[in-house]
Amino acid sequence: MKVTAIDHLVLTVADISRTVTFYSDVLGMTAQSFTVADGSRRTALVFGTQKINLHSANAPFAPHAANPMTGTADLCLLTDDDLGKWADHITTFNIEVLEGPVARTGAQGPISSLYLRDPDQNLIEISTYG
């Protein structure tokens, strides 16, 4: 028995609308609303074959992490685009590039990364291989 991939992650956020705007406008993800088994509506951010489900910090969807809190995530997201262009793009939104591009190691080997924070202060690493 073994796990083969990540399907989705969950971010606990203070304001779902603000988070959707950031991840859509700055990172190019697509917002998706969906209905879960209990009939409630939820929001996800879709990119590639993955998604990030969003939980409101005021009412996290059960079951949830033992301590669902905003600003506790550290995500590494892959791109095929030039990180210099990413840095220029990010700064057009008055978002600070914290560091980068810098050399790091990803799941498949050496990567170049730059770092920023989302509206909840989660650390976002944008990386590229080769």
N, C-alpha and C. Protein backbone atom coordinates (compact mmCIF):
# COMPACT_ATOMS: atom_id res chain seq x y z
N MET A 1 0.84 -1.18 0.00
CA MET A 1 0.00 0.00 0.00
C MET A 1 0.88 1.24 0.00
N LYS A 2 0.51 2.22 -0.83
CA LYS A 2 1.25 3.48 -0.84
C LYS A 2 0.38 4.59 -1.40
N VAL A 3 0.65 5.80 -0.94
CA VAL A 3 -0.01 6.99 -1.46
C VAL A 3 0.70 7.36 -2.76
N THR A 4 -0.06 7.81 -3.77
CA THR A 4 0.54 8.10 -5.08
C THR A 4 0.56 9.57 -5.48
N ALA A 5 -0.28 10.41 -4.87
CA ALA A 5 -0.32 11.82 -5.27
C ALA A 5 -1.14 12.62 -4.26
N ILE A 6 -1.06 13.94 -4.39
CA ILE A 6 -1.94 14.82 -3.62
C ILE A 6 -3.08 15.24 -4.53
N ASP A 7 -4.30 15.08 -4.06
CA ASP A 7 -5.48 15.50 -4.82
C ASP A 7 -5.84 16.95 -4.51
N HIS A 8 -5.91 17.28 -3.22
CA HIS A 8 -6.23 18.64 -2.82
C HIS A 8 -5.69 18.93 -1.43
N LEU A 9 -5.57 20.21 -1.14
CA LEU A 9 -5.19 20.69 0.18
C LEU A 9 -6.30 21.61 0.66
N VAL A 10 -6.31 21.91 1.96
CA VAL A 10 -7.29 22.83 2.52
C VAL A 10 -6.57 24.01 3.15
N LEU A 11 -7.03 25.20 2.85
CA LEU A 11 -6.55 26.41 3.51
C LEU A 11 -7.68 26.98 4.36
N THR A 12 -7.38 27.27 5.61
CA THR A 12 -8.31 27.97 6.47
C THR A 12 -8.04 29.45 6.29
N VAL A 13 -9.07 30.22 5.92
CA VAL A 13 -8.89 31.62 5.57
C VAL A 13 -9.87 32.52 6.30
N ALA A 14 -9.48 33.77 6.47
CA ALA A 14 -10.34 34.74 7.15
C ALA A 14 -11.47 35.21 6.25
N ASP A 15 -11.20 35.35 4.96
CA ASP A 15 -12.17 35.92 4.02
C ASP A 15 -12.05 35.17 2.69
N ILE A 16 -13.02 34.31 2.41
CA ILE A 16 -12.95 33.49 1.19
C ILE A 16 -12.90 34.35 -0.06
N SER A 17 -13.70 35.39 -0.12
CA SER A 17 -13.72 36.26 -1.30
C SER A 17 -12.36 36.91 -1.53
N ARG A 18 -11.74 37.41 -0.49
CA ARG A 18 -10.42 38.04 -0.60
C ARG A 18 -9.38 37.02 -1.06
N THR A 19 -9.47 35.81 -0.53
CA THR A 19 -8.54 34.74 -0.92
C THR A 19 -8.72 34.37 -2.38
N VAL A 20 -9.96 34.24 -2.83
CA VAL A 20 -10.23 33.92 -4.23
C VAL A 20 -9.66 34.99 -5.14
N THR A 21 -9.84 36.25 -4.78
CA THR A 21 -9.30 37.34 -5.59
C THR A 21 -7.79 37.24 -5.70
N PHE A 22 -7.10 37.02 -4.59
CA PHE A 22 -5.64 36.92 -4.61
C PHE A 22 -5.19 35.75 -5.48
N TYR A 23 -5.69 34.56 -5.22
CA TYR A 23 -5.21 33.38 -5.94
C TYR A 23 -5.61 33.40 -7.41
N SER A 24 -6.73 34.04 -7.74
CA SER A 24 -7.14 34.15 -9.14
C SER A 24 -6.33 35.21 -9.86
N ASP A 25 -6.31 36.43 -9.31
CA ASP A 25 -5.65 37.54 -9.99
C ASP A 25 -4.13 37.43 -9.98
N VAL A 26 -3.55 37.06 -8.84
CA VAL A 26 -2.09 37.05 -8.71
C VAL A 26 -1.50 35.74 -9.22
N LEU A 27 -2.13 34.61 -8.89
CA LEU A 27 -1.53 33.31 -9.22
C LEU A 27 -2.21 32.59 -10.39
N GLY A 28 -3.27 33.15 -10.92
CA GLY A 28 -3.89 32.58 -12.12
C GLY A 28 -4.73 31.33 -11.89
N MET A 29 -5.12 31.07 -10.64
CA MET A 29 -5.98 29.92 -10.36
C MET A 29 -7.43 30.26 -10.70
N THR A 30 -8.26 29.24 -10.81
CA THR A 30 -9.67 29.42 -11.13
C THR A 30 -10.53 29.04 -9.93
N ALA A 31 -11.44 29.93 -9.54
CA ALA A 31 -12.35 29.64 -8.45
C ALA A 31 -13.43 28.69 -8.93
N GLN A 32 -13.79 27.77 -8.07
CA GLN A 32 -14.82 26.78 -8.40
C GLN A 32 -15.72 26.59 -7.17
N SER A 33 -17.02 26.74 -7.37
CA SER A 33 -17.98 26.44 -6.30
C SER A 33 -18.49 25.03 -6.52
N PHE A 34 -18.70 24.32 -5.43
CA PHE A 34 -19.22 22.95 -5.56
C PHE A 34 -20.10 22.62 -4.36
N THR A 35 -20.96 21.64 -4.54
CA THR A 35 -21.87 21.20 -3.48
C THR A 35 -21.32 19.93 -2.87
N VAL A 36 -21.28 19.88 -1.55
CA VAL A 36 -20.80 18.68 -0.85
C VAL A 36 -21.99 17.82 -0.43
N ALA A 37 -21.69 16.66 0.11
CA ALA A 37 -22.72 15.66 0.43
C ALA A 37 -23.86 16.19 1.30
N ASP A 38 -23.57 17.11 2.21
CA ASP A 38 -24.63 17.64 3.08
C ASP A 38 -25.45 18.74 2.42
N GLY A 39 -25.15 19.06 1.16
CA GLY A 39 -25.90 20.08 0.43
C GLY A 39 -25.33 21.48 0.53
N SER A 40 -24.33 21.69 1.37
CA SER A 40 -23.74 23.02 1.49
C SER A 40 -22.82 23.31 0.31
N ARG A 41 -22.60 24.60 0.05
CA ARG A 41 -21.73 25.03 -1.03
C ARG A 41 -20.35 25.36 -0.48
N ARG A 42 -19.33 25.02 -1.23
CA ARG A 42 -17.96 25.32 -0.84
C ARG A 42 -17.24 25.92 -2.03
N THR A 43 -16.06 26.46 -1.74
CA THR A 43 -15.25 27.10 -2.77
C THR A 43 -13.88 26.46 -2.80
N ALA A 44 -13.37 26.28 -4.02
CA ALA A 44 -12.03 25.74 -4.21
C ALA A 44 -11.30 26.59 -5.24
N LEU A 45 -9.99 26.49 -5.21
CA LEU A 45 -9.13 27.12 -6.20
C LEU A 45 -8.52 26.00 -7.02
N VAL A 46 -8.74 26.01 -8.33
CA VAL A 46 -8.32 24.92 -9.21
C VAL A 46 -7.14 25.38 -10.06
N PHE A 47 -6.14 24.49 -10.19
CA PHE A 47 -4.99 24.74 -11.06
C PHE A 47 -4.44 23.39 -11.45
N GLY A 48 -4.10 23.23 -12.74
CA GLY A 48 -3.62 21.93 -13.20
C GLY A 48 -4.63 20.86 -12.86
N THR A 49 -4.16 19.77 -12.25
CA THR A 49 -5.06 18.69 -11.84
C THR A 49 -5.26 18.68 -10.33
N GLN A 50 -4.96 19.81 -9.69
CA GLN A 50 -5.09 19.91 -8.24
C GLN A 50 -6.08 21.00 -7.87
N LYS A 51 -6.42 21.03 -6.57
CA LYS A 51 -7.23 22.13 -6.08
C LYS A 51 -6.92 22.37 -4.61
N ILE A 52 -7.24 23.59 -4.20
CA ILE A 52 -7.14 23.99 -2.81
C ILE A 52 -8.56 24.31 -2.35
N ASN A 53 -9.08 23.55 -1.40
CA ASN A 53 -10.39 23.85 -0.84
C ASN A 53 -10.22 24.94 0.21
N LEU A 54 -11.18 25.85 0.26
CA LEU A 54 -11.12 26.94 1.21
C LEU A 54 -12.14 26.73 2.33
N HIS A 55 -11.66 26.83 3.55
CA HIS A 55 -12.53 26.76 4.73
C HIS A 55 -12.50 28.11 5.41
N SER A 56 -13.65 28.60 5.81
CA SER A 56 -13.71 29.84 6.56
C SER A 56 -13.22 29.59 7.99
N ALA A 57 -12.37 30.47 8.49
CA ALA A 57 -11.88 30.34 9.86
C ALA A 57 -13.02 30.42 10.87
N ASN A 58 -14.10 31.10 10.49
CA ASN A 58 -15.25 31.25 11.38
C ASN A 58 -16.14 30.01 11.42
N ALA A 59 -16.04 29.16 10.39
CA ALA A 59 -16.89 27.97 10.32
C ALA A 59 -16.22 26.89 9.47
N PRO A 60 -15.12 26.32 9.97
CA PRO A 60 -14.43 25.29 9.16
C PRO A 60 -15.32 24.08 8.93
N PHE A 61 -15.23 23.53 7.74
CA PHE A 61 -15.98 22.34 7.36
C PHE A 61 -15.44 21.13 8.11
N ALA A 62 -16.31 20.37 8.75
CA ALA A 62 -15.87 19.19 9.52
C ALA A 62 -15.84 17.95 8.63
N PRO A 63 -14.92 17.04 8.84
CA PRO A 63 -13.83 17.13 9.80
C PRO A 63 -12.77 18.10 9.30
N HIS A 64 -11.97 18.60 10.21
CA HIS A 64 -10.93 19.56 9.88
C HIS A 64 -9.70 19.30 10.73
N ALA A 65 -8.65 20.03 10.45
CA ALA A 65 -7.41 19.90 11.22
C ALA A 65 -7.70 20.13 12.70
N ALA A 66 -6.85 19.62 13.54
CA ALA A 66 -7.05 19.77 14.98
C ALA A 66 -7.09 21.24 15.40
N ASN A 67 -6.32 22.08 14.74
CA ASN A 67 -6.26 23.51 15.07
C ASN A 67 -6.33 24.35 13.79
N PRO A 68 -7.50 24.39 13.14
CA PRO A 68 -7.58 25.16 11.89
C PRO A 68 -7.38 26.65 12.15
N MET A 69 -6.33 27.19 11.56
CA MET A 69 -5.98 28.59 11.77
C MET A 69 -5.50 29.21 10.46
N THR A 70 -5.69 30.50 10.34
CA THR A 70 -5.17 31.21 9.18
C THR A 70 -3.66 31.41 9.33
N GLY A 71 -2.99 31.54 8.20
CA GLY A 71 -1.58 31.88 8.20
C GLY A 71 -0.62 30.80 8.63
N THR A 72 -1.05 29.54 8.63
CA THR A 72 -0.17 28.46 9.08
C THR A 72 0.37 27.60 7.94
N ALA A 73 -0.02 27.91 6.70
CA ALA A 73 0.40 27.07 5.57
C ALA A 73 1.69 27.60 4.94
N ASP A 74 2.41 26.70 4.31
CA ASP A 74 3.62 26.98 3.56
C ASP A 74 3.53 26.12 2.30
N LEU A 75 3.16 26.75 1.17
CA LEU A 75 2.90 26.01 -0.06
C LEU A 75 3.94 26.30 -1.11
N CYS A 76 4.38 25.27 -1.82
CA CYS A 76 5.26 25.43 -2.96
C CYS A 76 4.46 25.11 -4.21
N LEU A 77 4.34 26.09 -5.10
CA LEU A 77 3.57 25.96 -6.33
C LEU A 77 4.51 26.02 -7.52
N LEU A 78 4.32 25.14 -8.48
CA LEU A 78 5.21 25.07 -9.64
C LEU A 78 4.70 25.90 -10.81
N THR A 79 5.63 26.45 -11.57
CA THR A 79 5.32 27.21 -12.77
C THR A 79 6.31 26.85 -13.86
N ASP A 80 5.92 27.09 -15.10
CA ASP A 80 6.84 26.96 -16.23
C ASP A 80 7.36 28.32 -16.65
N ASP A 81 6.85 29.39 -16.03
CA ASP A 81 7.20 30.75 -16.41
C ASP A 81 8.44 31.25 -15.67
N ASP A 82 9.09 32.24 -16.27
CA ASP A 82 10.30 32.86 -15.72
C ASP A 82 10.01 33.53 -14.39
N LEU A 83 10.83 33.26 -13.38
CA LEU A 83 10.59 33.84 -12.06
C LEU A 83 10.82 35.35 -12.03
N GLY A 84 11.65 35.88 -12.90
CA GLY A 84 11.80 37.33 -13.00
C GLY A 84 10.50 37.98 -13.45
N LYS A 85 9.84 37.34 -14.40
CA LYS A 85 8.53 37.85 -14.85
C LYS A 85 7.50 37.71 -13.73
N TRP A 86 7.59 36.63 -12.96
CA TRP A 86 6.70 36.47 -11.81
C TRP A 86 6.92 37.60 -10.81
N ALA A 87 8.17 37.92 -10.52
CA ALA A 87 8.46 38.97 -9.56
C ALA A 87 7.86 40.30 -10.04
N ASP A 88 8.02 40.60 -11.32
CA ASP A 88 7.44 41.82 -11.88
C ASP A 88 5.92 41.80 -11.74
N HIS A 89 5.31 40.67 -12.07
CA HIS A 89 3.85 40.51 -11.99
C HIS A 89 3.36 40.71 -10.56
N ILE A 90 4.03 40.08 -9.62
CA ILE A 90 3.61 40.15 -8.21
C ILE A 90 3.67 41.58 -7.70
N THR A 91 4.72 42.29 -8.05
CA THR A 91 4.87 43.66 -7.53
C THR A 91 3.84 44.62 -8.13
N THR A 92 3.24 44.28 -9.28
CA THR A 92 2.18 45.14 -9.82
C THR A 92 0.95 45.13 -8.92
N PHE A 93 0.84 44.15 -8.04
CA PHE A 93 -0.26 44.07 -7.08
C PHE A 93 0.15 44.64 -5.72
N ASN A 94 1.31 45.32 -5.68
CA ASN A 94 1.84 45.86 -4.42
C ASN A 94 2.06 44.78 -3.38
N ILE A 95 2.49 43.62 -3.85
CA ILE A 95 2.82 42.50 -2.98
C ILE A 95 4.34 42.38 -2.95
N GLU A 96 4.88 42.24 -1.77
CA GLU A 96 6.33 42.15 -1.60
C GLU A 96 6.84 40.75 -1.94
N VAL A 97 7.88 40.69 -2.75
CA VAL A 97 8.61 39.44 -2.94
C VAL A 97 9.56 39.35 -1.76
N LEU A 98 9.36 38.38 -0.91
CA LEU A 98 10.15 38.25 0.31
C LEU A 98 11.58 37.82 0.05
N GLU A 99 11.74 36.94 -0.94
CA GLU A 99 13.05 36.40 -1.26
C GLU A 99 12.97 35.76 -2.63
N GLY A 100 14.07 35.84 -3.36
CA GLY A 100 14.14 35.09 -4.60
C GLY A 100 14.30 35.98 -5.82
N PRO A 101 14.59 35.28 -6.90
CA PRO A 101 14.76 33.84 -7.02
C PRO A 101 15.99 33.32 -6.28
N VAL A 102 15.81 32.20 -5.64
CA VAL A 102 16.88 31.52 -4.90
C VAL A 102 16.84 30.03 -5.22
N ALA A 103 17.99 29.38 -5.08
CA ALA A 103 18.08 27.94 -5.32
C ALA A 103 17.50 27.18 -4.14
N ARG A 104 16.69 26.19 -4.44
CA ARG A 104 16.10 25.32 -3.43
C ARG A 104 16.08 23.89 -3.98
N THR A 105 15.54 22.99 -3.20
CA THR A 105 15.38 21.61 -3.65
C THR A 105 13.91 21.22 -3.57
N GLY A 106 13.38 20.77 -4.69
CA GLY A 106 11.99 20.34 -4.75
C GLY A 106 11.90 18.83 -4.66
N ALA A 107 10.71 18.31 -4.85
CA ALA A 107 10.47 16.88 -4.75
C ALA A 107 11.22 16.08 -5.82
N GLN A 108 11.52 16.75 -6.96
CA GLN A 108 12.17 16.05 -8.06
C GLN A 108 13.58 16.55 -8.34
N GLY A 109 14.11 17.40 -7.45
CA GLY A 109 15.47 17.89 -7.65
C GLY A 109 15.57 19.39 -7.48
N PRO A 110 16.64 19.99 -8.04
CA PRO A 110 16.87 21.42 -7.87
C PRO A 110 15.76 22.27 -8.49
N ILE A 111 15.37 23.33 -7.78
CA ILE A 111 14.40 24.29 -8.27
C ILE A 111 14.91 25.69 -7.97
N SER A 112 14.33 26.67 -8.65
CA SER A 112 14.51 28.08 -8.33
C SER A 112 13.18 28.56 -7.78
N SER A 113 13.24 29.37 -6.71
CA SER A 113 12.01 29.77 -6.02
C SER A 113 12.00 31.24 -5.68
N LEU A 114 10.79 31.79 -5.61
CA LEU A 114 10.60 33.09 -4.98
C LEU A 114 9.44 32.97 -4.01
N TYR A 115 9.44 33.86 -3.02
CA TYR A 115 8.52 33.76 -1.89
C TYR A 115 7.69 35.03 -1.72
N LEU A 116 6.45 34.86 -1.36
CA LEU A 116 5.54 35.94 -1.04
C LEU A 116 4.52 35.44 -0.03
N ARG A 117 3.65 36.31 0.43
CA ARG A 117 2.60 35.93 1.37
C ARG A 117 1.23 36.22 0.77
N ASP A 118 0.28 35.35 1.08
CA ASP A 118 -1.10 35.57 0.65
C ASP A 118 -1.81 36.47 1.68
N PRO A 119 -3.07 36.81 1.47
CA PRO A 119 -3.76 37.72 2.39
C PRO A 119 -3.85 37.24 3.84
N ASP A 120 -3.74 35.93 4.07
CA ASP A 120 -3.77 35.38 5.43
C ASP A 120 -2.38 35.18 6.01
N GLN A 121 -1.36 35.62 5.27
CA GLN A 121 0.04 35.51 5.68
C GLN A 121 0.62 34.10 5.53
N ASN A 122 -0.06 33.23 4.76
CA ASN A 122 0.54 31.95 4.41
C ASN A 122 1.74 32.23 3.53
N LEU A 123 2.79 31.42 3.68
CA LEU A 123 3.98 31.56 2.84
C LEU A 123 3.74 30.83 1.53
N ILE A 124 3.90 31.54 0.43
CA ILE A 124 3.72 30.97 -0.90
C ILE A 124 5.07 30.99 -1.61
N GLU A 125 5.50 29.82 -2.05
CA GLU A 125 6.74 29.66 -2.80
C GLU A 125 6.36 29.32 -4.24
N ILE A 126 6.80 30.15 -5.17
CA ILE A 126 6.58 29.87 -6.60
C ILE A 126 7.91 29.38 -7.14
N SER A 127 7.88 28.19 -7.76
CA SER A 127 9.13 27.53 -8.14
C SER A 127 9.07 27.00 -9.57
N THR A 128 10.27 26.84 -10.10
CA THR A 128 10.40 26.26 -11.43
C THR A 128 11.59 25.30 -11.45
N TYR A 129 11.43 24.21 -12.18
CA TYR A 129 12.52 23.27 -12.40
C TYR A 129 13.26 23.70 -13.65
N GLY A 130 14.59 23.73 -13.56
CA GLY A 130 15.43 24.01 -14.72
C GLY A 130 15.05 25.28 -15.41
